């Protein structure tokens, strides 16, 4: 749950401004205050599935429709989350670190940039 992770890290780790949105109107208000756009993510999907970079109200509506279709396709296999996480857009280098940890020991680490 991407929103639960954001909430758990609030005040602990620096992160973008974010809001959990249940309606397109909520997301519209969030986007209106961000001239650089925002990132729209389904709360209950893994990785970048369904993630959209949005820079306009029309783009937000398109992303919202796509997320609705993604939810409908998943209904047979899961209980998808209808809420959407909307985050302020950050610019800069993107780095990803994946690790396998067992009994407190790091067994494998991969860094991509």
PDB file of N, CA and C in Angstrom:
ATOM      1  N   UNK A   1       0.854  -1.178   0.000  1.00  0.00           N
ATOM      2  CA  UNK A   1       0.000   0.000   0.000  1.00  0.00           C
ATOM      3  C   UNK A   1       0.896   1.236   0.000  1.00  0.00           C
ATOM      4  N   UNK A   2       0.953   1.903  -1.149  1.00  0.00           N
ATOM      5  CA  UNK A   2       1.852   3.049  -1.307  1.00  0.00           C
ATOM      6  C   UNK A   2       1.477   4.215  -0.392  1.00  0.00           C
ATOM      7  N   UNK A   3       0.204   4.393  -0.109  1.00  0.00           N
ATOM      8  CA  UNK A   3      -0.219   5.481   0.783  1.00  0.00           C
ATOM      9  C   UNK A   3       0.185   5.181   2.223  1.00  0.00           C
ATOM     10  N   UNK A   4       0.072   3.928   2.633  1.00  0.00           N
ATOM     11  CA  UNK A   4       0.478   3.549   3.993  1.00  0.00           C
ATOM     12  C   UNK A   4       1.977   3.770   4.179  1.00  0.00           C
ATOM     13  N   UNK A   5       2.760   3.474   3.154  1.00  0.00           N
ATOM     14  CA  UNK A   5       4.201   3.711   3.231  1.00  0.00           C
ATOM     15  C   UNK A   5       4.486   5.204   3.358  1.00  0.00           C
ATOM     16  N   UNK A   6       3.827   6.037   2.544  1.00  0.00           N
ATOM     17  CA  UNK A   6       4.019   7.489   2.641  1.00  0.00           C
ATOM     18  C   UNK A   6       3.666   7.977   4.051  1.00  0.00           C
ATOM     19  N   UNK A   7       2.542   7.511   4.578  1.00  0.00           N
ATOM     20  CA  UNK A   7       2.106   7.945   5.914  1.00  0.00           C
ATOM     21  C   UNK A   7       3.109   7.512   6.983  1.00  0.00           C
ATOM     22  N   UNK A   8       3.626   6.296   6.876  1.00  0.00           N
ATOM     23  CA  UNK A   8       4.581   5.796   7.868  1.00  0.00           C
ATOM     24  C   UNK A   8       5.891   6.584   7.840  1.00  0.00           C
ATOM     25  N   UNK A   9       6.267   7.090   6.667  1.00  0.00           N
ATOM     26  CA  UNK A   9       7.533   7.810   6.533  1.00  0.00           C
ATOM     27  C   UNK A   9       7.412   9.315   6.736  1.00  0.00           C
ATOM     28  N   UNK A  10       6.185   9.835   6.877  1.00  0.00           N
ATOM     29  CA  UNK A  10       6.001  11.270   7.112  1.00  0.00           C
ATOM     30  C   UNK A  10       6.795  11.705   8.336  1.00  0.00           C
ATOM     31  N   UNK A  11       7.615  12.732   8.168  1.00  0.00           N
ATOM     32  CA  UNK A  11       8.395  13.257   9.280  1.00  0.00           C
ATOM     33  C   UNK A  11       9.634  12.442   9.603  1.00  0.00           C
ATOM     34  N   UNK A  12       9.823  11.319   8.922  1.00  0.00           N
ATOM     35  CA  UNK A  12      10.983  10.460   9.167  1.00  0.00           C
ATOM     36  C   UNK A  12      11.977  10.559   8.009  1.00  0.00           C
ATOM     37  N   UNK A  13      11.449  10.510   6.796  1.00  0.00           N
ATOM     38  CA  UNK A  13      12.261  10.561   5.579  1.00  0.00           C
ATOM     39  C   UNK A  13      11.697  11.661   4.687  1.00  0.00           C
ATOM     40  N   UNK A  14      12.583  12.472   4.109  1.00  0.00           N
ATOM     41  CA  UNK A  14      12.122  13.514   3.180  1.00  0.00           C
ATOM     42  C   UNK A  14      11.417  12.858   1.996  1.00  0.00           C
ATOM     43  N   UNK A  15      10.270  13.382   1.629  1.00  0.00           N
ATOM     44  CA  UNK A  15       9.500  12.830   0.524  1.00  0.00           C
ATOM     45  C   UNK A  15       8.692  13.944  -0.128  1.00  0.00           C
ATOM     46  N   UNK A  16       8.188  13.696  -1.322  1.00  0.00           N
ATOM     47  CA  UNK A  16       7.402  14.738  -1.994  1.00  0.00           C
ATOM     48  C   UNK A  16       6.084  14.993  -1.271  1.00  0.00           C
ATOM     49  N   UNK A  17       5.500  16.148  -1.548  1.00  0.00           N
ATOM     50  CA  UNK A  17       4.154  16.424  -1.069  1.00  0.00           C
ATOM     51  C   UNK A  17       3.234  15.379  -1.677  1.00  0.00           C
ATOM     52  N   UNK A  18       2.297  14.858  -0.897  1.00  0.00           N
ATOM     53  CA  UNK A  18       1.413  13.821  -1.423  1.00  0.00           C
ATOM     54  C   UNK A  18       0.024  13.937  -0.814  1.00  0.00           C
ATOM     55  N   UNK A  19      -0.925  13.328  -1.498  1.00  0.00           N
ATOM     56  CA  UNK A  19      -2.305  13.299  -1.011  1.00  0.00           C
ATOM     57  C   UNK A  19      -2.963  12.013  -1.499  1.00  0.00           C
ATOM     58  N   UNK A  20      -3.738  11.406  -0.648  1.00  0.00           N
ATOM     59  CA  UNK A  20      -4.540  10.250  -1.019  1.00  0.00           C
ATOM     60  C   UNK A  20      -5.866  10.781  -1.549  1.00  0.00           C
ATOM     61  N   UNK A  21      -6.183  10.473  -2.803  1.00  0.00           N
ATOM     62  CA  UNK A  21      -7.378  11.020  -3.454  1.00  0.00           C
ATOM     63  C   UNK A  21      -8.380   9.912  -3.752  1.00  0.00           C
ATOM     64  N   UNK A  22      -9.626  10.169  -3.408  1.00  0.00           N
ATOM     65  CA  UNK A  22     -10.693   9.219  -3.714  1.00  0.00           C
ATOM     66  C   UNK A  22     -11.524   9.667  -4.905  1.00  0.00           C
ATOM     67  N   UNK A  23     -11.367  10.935  -5.308  1.00  0.00           N
ATOM     68  CA  UNK A  23     -12.136  11.450  -6.442  1.00  0.00           C
ATOM     69  C   UNK A  23     -11.219  12.238  -7.371  1.00  0.00           C
ATOM     70  N   UNK A  24     -11.656  12.353  -8.613  1.00  0.00           N
ATOM     71  CA  UNK A  24     -10.928  13.169  -9.583  1.00  0.00           C
ATOM     72  C   UNK A  24     -10.885  14.623  -9.125  1.00  0.00           C
ATOM     73  N   UNK A  25     -11.938  15.096  -8.485  1.00  0.00           N
ATOM     74  CA  UNK A  25     -11.968  16.480  -7.989  1.00  0.00           C
ATOM     75  C   UNK A  25     -10.856  16.717  -6.964  1.00  0.00           C
ATOM     76  N   UNK A  26     -10.615  15.745  -6.075  1.00  0.00           N
ATOM     77  CA  UNK A  26      -9.516  15.861  -5.108  1.00  0.00           C
ATOM     78  C   UNK A  26      -8.180  16.003  -5.831  1.00  0.00           C
ATOM     79  N   UNK A  27      -7.976  15.172  -6.846  1.00  0.00           N
ATOM     80  CA  UNK A  27      -6.724  15.197  -7.605  1.00  0.00           C
ATOM     81  C   UNK A  27      -6.584  16.499  -8.389  1.00  0.00           C
ATOM     82  N   UNK A  28      -7.698  17.023  -8.908  1.00  0.00           N
ATOM     83  CA  UNK A  28      -7.690  18.307  -9.627  1.00  0.00           C
ATOM     84  C   UNK A  28      -7.173  19.428  -8.731  1.00  0.00           C
ATOM     85  N   UNK A  29      -7.634  19.460  -7.493  1.00  0.00           N
ATOM     86  CA  UNK A  29      -7.200  20.495  -6.546  1.00  0.00           C
ATOM     87  C   UNK A  29      -5.700  20.361  -6.285  1.00  0.00           C
ATOM     88  N   UNK A  30      -5.227  19.129  -6.105  1.00  0.00           N
ATOM     89  CA  UNK A  30      -3.802  18.897  -5.861  1.00  0.00           C
ATOM     90  C   UNK A  30      -2.971  19.383  -7.047  1.00  0.00           C
ATOM     91  N   UNK A  31      -3.366  19.011  -8.260  1.00  0.00           N
ATOM     92  CA  UNK A  31      -2.632  19.393  -9.469  1.00  0.00           C
ATOM     93  C   UNK A  31      -2.619  20.909  -9.666  1.00  0.00           C
ATOM     94  N   UNK A  32      -3.710  21.581  -9.336  1.00  0.00           N
ATOM     95  CA  UNK A  32      -3.830  23.026  -9.568  1.00  0.00           C
ATOM     96  C   UNK A  32      -2.722  23.814  -8.878  1.00  0.00           C
ATOM     97  N   UNK A  33      -2.216  23.331  -7.772  1.00  0.00           N
ATOM     98  CA  UNK A  33      -1.169  24.035  -7.041  1.00  0.00           C
ATOM     99  C   UNK A  33       0.240  23.649  -7.448  1.00  0.00           C
ATOM    100  N   UNK A  34       0.383  22.868  -8.528  1.00  0.00           N
ATOM    101  CA  UNK A  34       1.695  22.376  -8.933  1.00  0.00           C
ATOM    102  C   UNK A  34       1.955  22.621 -10.415  1.00  0.00           C
ATOM    103  N   UNK A  35       2.600  23.738 -10.746  1.00  0.00           N
ATOM    104  CA  UNK A  35       2.834  24.066 -12.157  1.00  0.00           C
ATOM    105  C   UNK A  35       3.728  23.057 -12.880  1.00  0.00           C
ATOM    106  N   UNK A  36       4.557  22.311 -12.153  1.00  0.00           N
ATOM    107  CA  UNK A  36       5.418  21.300 -12.778  1.00  0.00           C
ATOM    108  C   UNK A  36       4.707  19.966 -12.962  1.00  0.00           C
ATOM    109  N   UNK A  37       3.478  19.874 -12.497  1.00  0.00           N
ATOM    110  CA  UNK A  37       2.720  18.640 -12.632  1.00  0.00           C
ATOM    111  C   UNK A  37       2.808  17.768 -11.392  1.00  0.00           C
ATOM    112  N   UNK A  38       2.301  16.558 -11.529  1.00  0.00           N
ATOM    113  CA  UNK A  38       2.295  15.623 -10.417  1.00  0.00           C
ATOM    114  C   UNK A  38       2.377  14.193 -10.951  1.00  0.00           C
ATOM    115  N   UNK A  39       2.564  13.263 -10.037  1.00  0.00           N
ATOM    116  CA  UNK A  39       2.616  11.845 -10.369  1.00  0.00           C
ATOM    117  C   UNK A  39       1.395  11.189  -9.745  1.00  0.00           C
ATOM    118  N   UNK A  40       0.675  10.408 -10.549  1.00  0.00           N
ATOM    119  CA  UNK A  40      -0.548   9.741 -10.110  1.00  0.00           C
ATOM    120  C   UNK A  40      -0.272   8.245 -10.060  1.00  0.00           C
ATOM    121  N   UNK A  41      -0.551   7.620  -8.901  1.00  0.00           N
ATOM    122  CA  UNK A  41      -0.232   6.203  -8.707  1.00  0.00           C
ATOM    123  C   UNK A  41      -1.415   5.465  -8.093  1.00  0.00           C
ATOM    124  N   UNK A  42      -1.708   4.269  -8.588  1.00  0.00           N
ATOM    125  CA  UNK A  42      -2.694   3.449  -7.886  1.00  0.00           C
ATOM    126  C   UNK A  42      -2.078   2.988  -6.567  1.00  0.00           C
ATOM    127  N   UNK A  43      -2.845   3.006  -5.500  1.00  0.00           N
ATOM    128  CA  UNK A  43      -2.319   2.681  -4.177  1.00  0.00           C
ATOM    129  C   UNK A  43      -1.868   1.228  -4.082  1.00  0.00           C
ATOM    130  N   UNK A  44      -2.628   0.328  -4.679  1.00  0.00           N
ATOM    131  CA  UNK A  44      -2.378  -1.089  -4.447  1.00  0.00           C
ATOM    132  C   UNK A  44      -1.706  -1.842  -5.571  1.00  0.00           C
ATOM    133  N   UNK A  45      -0.940  -1.195  -6.404  1.00  0.00           N
ATOM    134  CA  UNK A  45      -0.243  -1.895  -7.488  1.00  0.00           C
ATOM    135  C   UNK A  45       1.255  -1.915  -7.202  1.00  0.00           C
ATOM    136  N   UNK A  46       1.936  -2.841  -7.820  1.00  0.00           N
ATOM    137  CA  UNK A  46       3.380  -2.956  -7.591  1.00  0.00           C
ATOM    138  C   UNK A  46       4.173  -2.171  -8.627  1.00  0.00           C
ATOM    139  N   UNK A  47       5.361  -1.765  -8.242  1.00  0.00           N
ATOM    140  CA  UNK A  47       6.257  -1.088  -9.168  1.00  0.00           C
ATOM    141  C   UNK A  47       5.624   0.122  -9.818  1.00  0.00           C
ATOM    142  N   UNK A  48       5.816   0.230 -11.120  1.00  0.00           N
ATOM    143  CA  UNK A  48       5.308   1.396 -11.847  1.00  0.00           C
ATOM    144  C   UNK A  48       4.025   1.099 -12.610  1.00  0.00           C
ATOM    145  N   UNK A  49       3.356  -0.002 -12.297  1.00  0.00           N
ATOM    146  CA  UNK A  49       2.100  -0.336 -12.980  1.00  0.00           C
ATOM    147  C   UNK A  49       1.072   0.760 -12.705  1.00  0.00           C
ATOM    148  N   UNK A  50       0.582   1.378 -13.760  1.00  0.00           N
ATOM    149  CA  UNK A  50      -0.453   2.399 -13.632  1.00  0.00           C
ATOM    150  C   UNK A  50       0.023   3.772 -13.204  1.00  0.00           C
ATOM    151  N   UNK A  51       1.337   3.995 -13.133  1.00  0.00           N
ATOM    152  CA  UNK A  51       1.875   5.290 -12.711  1.00  0.00           C
ATOM    153  C   UNK A  51       1.889   6.252 -13.901  1.00  0.00           C
ATOM    154  N   UNK A  52       1.414   7.475 -13.669  1.00  0.00           N
ATOM    155  CA  UNK A  52       1.331   8.488 -14.726  1.00  0.00           C
ATOM    156  C   UNK A  52       1.965   9.791 -14.263  1.00  0.00           C
ATOM    157  N   UNK A  53       2.772  10.394 -15.134  1.00  0.00           N
ATOM    158  CA  UNK A  53       3.248  11.757 -14.926  1.00  0.00           C
ATOM    159  C   UNK A  53       2.234  12.667 -15.598  1.00  0.00           C
ATOM    160  N   UNK A  54       1.656  13.592 -14.841  1.00  0.00           N
ATOM    161  CA  UNK A  54       0.557  14.429 -15.325  1.00  0.00           C
ATOM    162  C   UNK A  54       0.972  15.893 -15.244  1.00  0.00           C
ATOM    163  N   UNK A  55       0.763  16.626 -16.345  1.00  0.00           N
ATOM    164  CA  UNK A  55       1.118  18.050 -16.358  1.00  0.00           C
ATOM    165  C   UNK A  55      -0.062  18.950 -16.708  1.00  0.00           C
ATOM    166  N   UNK A  56      -1.235  18.355 -16.922  1.00  0.00           N
ATOM    167  CA  UNK A  56      -2.412  19.159 -17.284  1.00  0.00           C
ATOM    168  C   UNK A  56      -3.671  18.498 -16.735  1.00  0.00           C
ATOM    169  N   UNK A  57      -4.749  19.276 -16.683  1.00  0.00           N
ATOM    170  CA  UNK A  57      -6.032  18.733 -16.232  1.00  0.00           C
ATOM    171  C   UNK A  57      -6.513  17.644 -17.189  1.00  0.00           C
ATOM    172  N   UNK A  58      -6.300  17.835 -18.490  1.00  0.00           N
ATOM    173  CA  UNK A  58      -6.698  16.807 -19.469  1.00  0.00           C
ATOM    174  C   UNK A  58      -5.897  15.529 -19.249  1.00  0.00           C
ATOM    175  N   UNK A  59      -4.604  15.669 -18.974  1.00  0.00           N
ATOM    176  CA  UNK A  59      -3.767  14.503 -18.694  1.00  0.00           C
ATOM    177  C   UNK A  59      -4.195  13.792 -17.429  1.00  0.00           C
ATOM    178  N   UNK A  60      -4.639  14.558 -16.438  1.00  0.00           N
ATOM    179  CA  UNK A  60      -5.126  13.963 -15.197  1.00  0.00           C
ATOM    180  C   UNK A  60      -6.388  13.151 -15.450  1.00  0.00           C
ATOM    181  N   UNK A  61      -7.302  13.697 -16.236  1.00  0.00           N
ATOM    182  CA  UNK A  61      -8.537  12.960 -16.554  1.00  0.00           C
ATOM    183  C   UNK A  61      -8.217  11.658 -17.293  1.00  0.00           C
ATOM    184  N   UNK A  62      -7.265  11.718 -18.215  1.00  0.00           N
ATOM    185  CA  UNK A  62      -6.867  10.520 -18.961  1.00  0.00           C
ATOM    186  C   UNK A  62      -6.248   9.479 -18.019  1.00  0.00           C
ATOM    187  N   UNK A  63      -5.384   9.926 -17.121  1.00  0.00           N
ATOM    188  CA  UNK A  63      -4.768   9.009 -16.156  1.00  0.00           C
ATOM    189  C   UNK A  63      -5.827   8.391 -15.255  1.00  0.00           C
ATOM    190  N   UNK A  64      -6.788   9.194 -14.821  1.00  0.00           N
ATOM    191  CA  UNK A  64      -7.850   8.704 -13.936  1.00  0.00           C
ATOM    192  C   UNK A  64      -8.675   7.618 -14.636  1.00  0.00           C
ATOM    193  N   UNK A  65      -8.987   7.849 -15.920  1.00  0.00           N
ATOM    194  CA  UNK A  65      -9.723   6.835 -16.700  1.00  0.00           C
ATOM    195  C   UNK A  65      -8.903   5.554 -16.832  1.00  0.00           C
ATOM    196  N   UNK A  66      -7.604   5.692 -17.089  1.00  0.00           N
ATOM    197  CA  UNK A  66      -6.727   4.533 -17.223  1.00  0.00           C
ATOM    198  C   UNK A  66      -6.670   3.739 -15.922  1.00  0.00           C
ATOM    199  N   UNK A  67      -6.597   4.445 -14.797  1.00  0.00           N
ATOM    200  CA  UNK A  67      -6.559   3.755 -13.509  1.00  0.00           C
ATOM    201  C   UNK A  67      -7.867   3.025 -13.243  1.00  0.00           C
ATOM    202  N   UNK A  68      -8.983   3.609 -13.664  1.00  0.00           N
ATOM    203  CA  UNK A  68     -10.271   2.928 -13.532  1.00  0.00           C
ATOM    204  C   UNK A  68     -10.309   1.658 -14.353  1.00  0.00           C
ATOM    205  N   UNK A  69      -9.758   1.699 -15.566  1.00  0.00           N
ATOM    206  CA  UNK A  69      -9.707   0.513 -16.421  1.00  0.00           C
ATOM    207  C   UNK A  69      -8.780  -0.534 -15.823  1.00  0.00           C
ATOM    208  N   UNK A  70      -7.661  -0.108 -15.248  1.00  0.00           N
ATOM    209  CA  UNK A  70      -6.730  -1.029 -14.605  1.00  0.00           C
ATOM    210  C   UNK A  70      -7.410  -1.749 -13.455  1.00  0.00           C
ATOM    211  N   UNK A  71      -8.178  -1.006 -12.669  1.00  0.00           N
ATOM    212  CA  UNK A  71      -8.906  -1.597 -11.550  1.00  0.00           C
ATOM    213  C   UNK A  71      -9.921  -2.614 -12.042  1.00  0.00           C
ATOM    214  N   UNK A  72     -10.651  -2.279 -13.097  1.00  0.00           N
ATOM    215  CA  UNK A  72     -11.651  -3.210 -13.637  1.00  0.00           C
ATOM    216  C   UNK A  72     -11.003  -4.495 -14.134  1.00  0.00           C
ATOM    217  N   UNK A  73      -9.856  -4.401 -14.809  1.00  0.00           N
ATOM    218  CA  UNK A  73      -9.176  -5.597 -15.315  1.00  0.00           C
ATOM    219  C   UNK A  73      -8.700  -6.483 -14.176  1.00  0.00           C
ATOM    220  N   UNK A  74      -8.388  -5.895 -13.032  1.00  0.00           N
ATOM    221  CA  UNK A  74      -7.830  -6.664 -11.922  1.00  0.00           C
ATOM    222  C   UNK A  74      -8.888  -7.290 -11.026  1.00  0.00           C
ATOM    223  N   UNK A  75     -10.136  -6.895 -11.155  1.00  0.00           N
ATOM    224  CA  UNK A  75     -11.167  -7.338 -10.219  1.00  0.00           C
ATOM    225  C   UNK A  75     -11.293  -8.856 -10.110  1.00  0.00           C
ATOM    226  N   UNK A  76     -11.058  -9.584 -11.173  1.00  0.00           N
ATOM    227  CA  UNK A  76     -11.202 -11.040 -11.121  1.00  0.00           C
ATOM    228  C   UNK A  76     -10.119 -11.689 -10.270  1.00  0.00           C
ATOM    229  N   UNK A  77      -8.962 -11.047 -10.155  1.00  0.00           N
ATOM    230  CA  UNK A  77      -7.829 -11.672  -9.481  1.00  0.00           C
ATOM    231  C   UNK A  77      -7.488 -11.070  -8.123  1.00  0.00           C
ATOM    232  N   UNK A  78      -8.026  -9.925  -7.805  1.00  0.00           N
ATOM    233  CA  UNK A  78      -7.624  -9.247  -6.575  1.00  0.00           C
ATOM    234  C   UNK A  78      -8.737  -8.332  -6.109  1.00  0.00           C
ATOM    235  N   UNK A  79      -8.546  -7.769  -4.926  1.00  0.00           N
ATOM    236  CA  UNK A  79      -9.481  -6.753  -4.459  1.00  0.00           C
ATOM    237  C   UNK A  79      -8.757  -5.418  -4.559  1.00  0.00           C
ATOM    238  N   UNK A  80      -8.771  -4.771  -5.725  1.00  0.00           N
ATOM    239  CA  UNK A  80      -7.980  -3.561  -5.943  1.00  0.00           C
ATOM    240  C   UNK A  80      -8.463  -2.380  -5.117  1.00  0.00           C
ATOM    241  N   UNK A  81      -7.571  -1.479  -4.935  1.00  0.00           N
ATOM    242  CA  UNK A  81      -7.818  -0.267  -4.169  1.00  0.00           C
ATOM    243  C   UNK A  81      -8.314   0.813  -5.114  1.00  0.00           C
ATOM    244  N   UNK A  82      -9.413   1.461  -4.786  1.00  0.00           N
ATOM    245  CA  UNK A  82      -9.948   2.518  -5.640  1.00  0.00           C
ATOM    246  C   UNK A  82      -9.309   3.879  -5.366  1.00  0.00           C
ATOM    247  N   UNK A  83      -8.618   3.997  -4.266  1.00  0.00           N
ATOM    248  CA  UNK A  83      -7.967   5.271  -3.954  1.00  0.00           C
ATOM    249  C   UNK A  83      -6.702   5.438  -4.797  1.00  0.00           C
ATOM    250  N   UNK A  84      -6.317   6.683  -4.993  1.00  0.00           N
ATOM    251  CA  UNK A  84      -5.164   7.005  -5.830  1.00  0.00           C
ATOM    252  C   UNK A  84      -4.228   7.917  -5.039  1.00  0.00           C
ATOM    253  N   UNK A  85      -2.947   7.650  -5.128  1.00  0.00           N
ATOM    254  CA  UNK A  85      -1.936   8.486  -4.496  1.00  0.00           C
ATOM    255  C   UNK A  85      -1.458   9.508  -5.520  1.00  0.00           C
ATOM    256  N   UNK A  86      -1.502  10.783  -5.157  1.00  0.00           N
ATOM    257  CA  UNK A  86      -1.038  11.849  -6.041  1.00  0.00           C
ATOM    258  C   UNK A  86       0.117  12.547  -5.324  1.00  0.00           C
ATOM    259  N   UNK A  87       1.239  12.654  -6.033  1.00  0.00           N
ATOM    260  CA  UNK A  87       2.454  13.207  -5.434  1.00  0.00           C
ATOM    261  C   UNK A  87       2.975  14.382  -6.246  1.00  0.00           C
ATOM    262  N   UNK A  88       3.618  15.313  -5.553  1.00  0.00           N
ATOM    263  CA  UNK A  88       4.292  16.392  -6.250  1.00  0.00           C
ATOM    264  C   UNK A  88       5.427  15.833  -7.089  1.00  0.00           C
ATOM    265  N   UNK A  89       5.673  16.454  -8.218  1.00  0.00           N
ATOM    266  CA  UNK A  89       6.717  15.994  -9.131  1.00  0.00           C
ATOM    267  C   UNK A  89       8.083  16.456  -8.628  1.00  0.00           C
ATOM    268  N   UNK A  90       9.033  15.540  -8.615  1.00  0.00           N
ATOM    269  CA  UNK A  90      10.411  15.856  -8.261  1.00  0.00           C
ATOM    270  C   UNK A  90      11.268  15.752  -9.512  1.00  0.00           C
ATOM    271  N   UNK A  91      12.296  16.572  -9.597  1.00  0.00           N
ATOM    272  CA  UNK A  91      13.218  16.449 -10.723  1.00  0.00           C
ATOM    273  C   UNK A  91      14.597  16.100 -10.180  1.00  0.00           C
ATOM    274  N   UNK A  92      15.383  15.448 -11.006  1.00  0.00           N
ATOM    275  CA  UNK A  92      16.723  15.043 -10.600  1.00  0.00           C
ATOM    276  C   UNK A  92      16.985  13.601 -10.979  1.00  0.00           C
ATOM    277  N   UNK A  93      18.121  13.093 -10.532  1.00  0.00           N
ATOM    278  CA  UNK A  93      18.489  11.715 -10.829  1.00  0.00           C
ATOM    279  C   UNK A  93      17.595  10.753 -10.065  1.00  0.00           C
ATOM    280  N   UNK A  94      17.222   9.670 -10.725  1.00  0.00           N
ATOM    281  CA  UNK A  94      16.425   8.627 -10.081  1.00  0.00           C
ATOM    282  C   UNK A  94      17.328   7.433  -9.828  1.00  0.00           C
ATOM    283  N   UNK A  95      17.350   6.980  -8.586  1.00  0.00           N
ATOM    284  CA  UNK A  95      18.175   5.843  -8.192  1.00  0.00           C
ATOM    285  C   UNK A  95      17.280   4.821  -7.516  1.00  0.00           C
ATOM    286  N   UNK A  96      17.504   3.561  -7.842  1.00  0.00           N
ATOM    287  CA  UNK A  96      16.726   2.481  -7.248  1.00  0.00           C
ATOM    288  C   UNK A  96      17.687   1.491  -6.596  1.00  0.00           C
ATOM    289  N   UNK A  97      17.363   1.062  -5.378  1.00  0.00           N
ATOM    290  CA  UNK A  97      18.189   0.083  -4.677  1.00  0.00           C
ATOM    291  C   UNK A  97      17.300  -1.082  -4.270  1.00  0.00           C
ATOM    292  N   UNK A  98      17.669  -2.267  -4.722  1.00  0.00           N
ATOM    293  CA  UNK A  98      16.944  -3.476  -4.339  1.00  0.00           C
ATOM    294  C   UNK A  98      17.896  -4.350  -3.531  1.00  0.00           C
ATOM    295  N   UNK A  99      17.388  -4.959  -2.472  1.00  0.00           N
ATOM    296  CA  UNK A  99      18.220  -5.814  -1.626  1.00  0.00           C
ATOM    297  C   UNK A  99      17.443  -7.042  -1.193  1.00  0.00           C
ATOM    298  N   UNK A 100      18.192  -8.101  -0.925  1.00  0.00           N
ATOM    299  CA  UNK A 100      17.633  -9.287  -0.284  1.00  0.00           C
ATOM    300  C   UNK A 100      18.318  -9.384   1.073  1.00  0.00           C
ATOM    301  N   UNK A 101      17.510  -9.387   2.143  1.00  0.00           N
ATOM    302  CA  UNK A 101      18.039  -9.432   3.502  1.00  0.00           C
ATOM    303  C   UNK A 101      17.458 -10.650   4.201  1.00  0.00           C
ATOM    304  N   UNK A 102      18.317 -11.435   4.844  1.00  0.00           N
ATOM    305  CA  UNK A 102      17.869 -12.620   5.585  1.00  0.00           C
ATOM    306  C   UNK A 102      18.543 -12.615   6.949  1.00  0.00           C
ATOM    307  N   UNK A 103      17.749 -12.688   8.001  1.00  0.00           N
ATOM    308  CA  UNK A 103      18.272 -12.690   9.372  1.00  0.00           C
ATOM    309  C   UNK A 103      19.218 -11.518   9.628  1.00  0.00           C
ATOM    310  N   UNK A 104      18.873 -10.362   9.083  1.00  0.00           N
ATOM    311  CA  UNK A 104      19.661  -9.166   9.309  1.00  0.00           C
ATOM    312  C   UNK A 104      20.904  -9.040   8.450  1.00  0.00           C
ATOM    313  N   UNK A 105      21.158 -10.006   7.595  1.00  0.00           N
ATOM    314  CA  UNK A 105      22.327  -9.966   6.708  1.00  0.00           C
ATOM    315  C   UNK A 105      21.893  -9.622   5.294  1.00  0.00           C
ATOM    316  N   UNK A 106      22.598  -8.683   4.678  1.00  0.00           N
ATOM    317  CA  UNK A 106      22.321  -8.327   3.285  1.00  0.00           C
ATOM    318  C   UNK A 106      22.984  -9.380   2.400  1.00  0.00           C
ATOM    319  N   UNK A 107      22.150 -10.119   1.647  1.00  0.00           N
ATOM    320  CA  UNK A 107      22.664 -11.181   0.786  1.00  0.00           C
ATOM    321  C   UNK A 107      22.927 -10.695  -0.634  1.00  0.00           C
ATOM    322  N   UNK A 108      22.181  -9.691  -1.062  1.00  0.00           N
ATOM    323  CA  UNK A 108      22.300  -9.204  -2.426  1.00  0.00           C
ATOM    324  C   UNK A 108      21.829  -7.760  -2.465  1.00  0.00           C
ATOM    325  N   UNK A 109      22.533  -6.939  -3.223  1.00  0.00           N
ATOM    326  CA  UNK A 109      22.115  -5.555  -3.446  1.00  0.00           C
ATOM    327  C   UNK A 109      22.354  -5.205  -4.909  1.00  0.00           C
ATOM    328  N   UNK A 110      21.392  -4.513  -5.494  1.00  0.00           N
ATOM    329  CA  UNK A 110      21.508  -4.036  -6.867  1.00  0.00           C
ATOM    330  C   UNK A 110      21.113  -2.567  -6.884  1.00  0.00           C
ATOM    331  N   UNK A 111      21.957  -1.738  -7.481  1.00  0.00           N
ATOM    332  CA  UNK A 111      21.685  -0.307  -7.584  1.00  0.00           C
ATOM    333  C   UNK A 111      21.585   0.049  -9.059  1.00  0.00           C
ATOM    334  N   UNK A 112      20.500   0.728  -9.428  1.00  0.00           N
ATOM    335  CA  UNK A 112      20.352   1.222 -10.792  1.00  0.00           C
ATOM    336  C   UNK A 112      20.180   2.734 -10.743  1.00  0.00           C
ATOM    337  N   UNK A 113      20.725   3.397 -11.733  1.00  0.00           N
ATOM    338  CA  UNK A 113      20.615   4.854 -11.784  1.00  0.00           C
ATOM    339  C   UNK A 113      20.276   5.290 -13.188  1.00  0.00           C
TER     340      UNK A 113
END
